[in-house]
C-alpha atoms as a PDB file:
ATOM      1  CA  UNK A   1       3.757  -2.097  10.965  1.00  0.00           C
ATOM      2  CA  UNK A   2       2.895  -5.502  11.150  1.00  0.00           C
ATOM      3  CA  UNK A   3      -0.412  -7.704  12.442  1.00  0.00           C
ATOM      4  CA  UNK A   4      -0.673 -11.191  13.198  1.00  0.00           C
ATOM      5  CA  UNK A   5      -4.569 -11.620  13.127  1.00  0.00           C
ATOM      6  CA  UNK A   6      -6.687  -8.241  12.138  1.00  0.00           C
ATOM      7  CA  UNK A   7      -6.895  -5.717   9.796  1.00  0.00           C
ATOM      8  CA  UNK A   8      -4.951  -2.620   9.150  1.00  0.00           C
ATOM      9  CA  UNK A   9      -6.568   0.868   8.162  1.00  0.00           C
ATOM     10  CA  UNK A  10      -3.884   3.472   8.035  1.00  0.00           C
ATOM     11  CA  UNK A  11      -4.419   7.111   7.555  1.00  0.00           C
ATOM     12  CA  UNK A  12      -1.248   9.456   6.487  1.00  0.00           C
ATOM     13  CA  UNK A  13      -1.567  12.970   5.308  1.00  0.00           C
ATOM     14  CA  UNK A  14      -1.621  13.128   1.877  1.00  0.00           C
ATOM     15  CA  UNK A  15       0.878  16.181   1.637  1.00  0.00           C
ATOM     16  CA  UNK A  16       3.797  13.949   1.658  1.00  0.00           C
ATOM     17  CA  UNK A  17       5.224  11.125  -0.925  1.00  0.00           C
ATOM     18  CA  UNK A  18       5.592   7.474   0.563  1.00  0.00           C
ATOM     19  CA  UNK A  19       7.300   4.995  -0.858  1.00  0.00           C
ATOM     20  CA  UNK A  20       4.739   2.273   0.367  1.00  0.00           C
ATOM     21  CA  UNK A  21       5.553  -2.087   0.901  1.00  0.00           C
ATOM     22  CA  UNK A  22       2.128  -3.307   2.082  1.00  0.00           C
ATOM     23  CA  UNK A  23       1.502  -7.526   1.915  1.00  0.00           C
ATOM     24  CA  UNK A  24      -1.247  -9.275   3.223  1.00  0.00           C
ATOM     25  CA  UNK A  25      -1.476 -13.007   3.107  1.00  0.00           C
ATOM     26  CA  UNK A  26      -5.527 -12.863   2.804  1.00  0.00           C
ATOM     27  CA  UNK A  27      -5.910 -10.320   0.225  1.00  0.00           C
ATOM     28  CA  UNK A  28      -4.198  -7.561  -2.025  1.00  0.00           C
ATOM     29  CA  UNK A  29      -3.873  -4.528  -0.144  1.00  0.00           C
ATOM     30  CA  UNK A  30      -6.143  -1.424  -1.318  1.00  0.00           C
ATOM     31  CA  UNK A  31      -3.653   1.550  -1.444  1.00  0.00           C
ATOM     32  CA  UNK A  32      -5.261   5.029  -2.031  1.00  0.00           C
ATOM     33  CA  UNK A  33      -1.882   7.178  -2.087  1.00  0.00           C
ATOM     34  CA  UNK A  34       0.408   7.286  -5.191  1.00  0.00           C
ATOM     35  CA  UNK A  35       3.547   4.906  -4.512  1.00  0.00           C
ATOM     36  CA  UNK A  36       6.696   7.246  -5.022  1.00  0.00           C
ATOM     37  CA  UNK A  37       9.991   5.306  -5.227  1.00  0.00           C
ATOM     38  CA  UNK A  38      12.065   8.540  -4.506  1.00  0.00           C
ATOM     39  CA  UNK A  39       9.955   9.727  -1.523  1.00  0.00           C
ATOM     40  CA  UNK A  40      11.944  10.591   1.609  1.00  0.00           C
ATOM     41  CA  UNK A  41       9.248   9.004   3.947  1.00  0.00           C
ATOM     42  CA  UNK A  42       8.279   4.959   3.549  1.00  0.00           C
ATOM     43  CA  UNK A  43       5.325   2.977   5.053  1.00  0.00           C
ATOM     44  CA  UNK A  44       5.482  -0.611   5.505  1.00  0.00           C
ATOM     45  CA  UNK A  45       2.678  -2.684   6.500  1.00  0.00           C
ATOM     46  CA  UNK A  46       2.251  -6.107   7.305  1.00  0.00           C
ATOM     47  CA  UNK A  47      -0.684  -8.485   7.716  1.00  0.00           C
ATOM     48  CA  UNK A  48      -1.074 -12.102   8.174  1.00  0.00           C
ATOM     49  CA  UNK A  49      -4.643 -12.698   8.344  1.00  0.00           C
ATOM     50  CA  UNK A  50      -6.602  -9.621   7.502  1.00  0.00           C
ATOM     51  CA  UNK A  51      -6.911  -7.123   5.207  1.00  0.00           C
ATOM     52  CA  UNK A  52      -4.873  -3.390   4.402  1.00  0.00           C
ATOM     53  CA  UNK A  53      -5.818  -0.015   3.395  1.00  0.00           C
ATOM     54  CA  UNK A  54      -3.705   2.938   3.312  1.00  0.00           C
ATOM     55  CA  UNK A  55      -5.054   6.120   2.879  1.00  0.00           C
END
């Protein structure tokens, strides 16, 4: 998921492990899930102008 302007608020099932790659140029991403390098599911989120909250 990528946004050029605006915040990202992403809610995902917590019962699955994720490899998370999140980048925002305006603030540090807030990630309320464990980041598991060996997970089969992955999330890639980028925001050019806005915050990121993954929960």
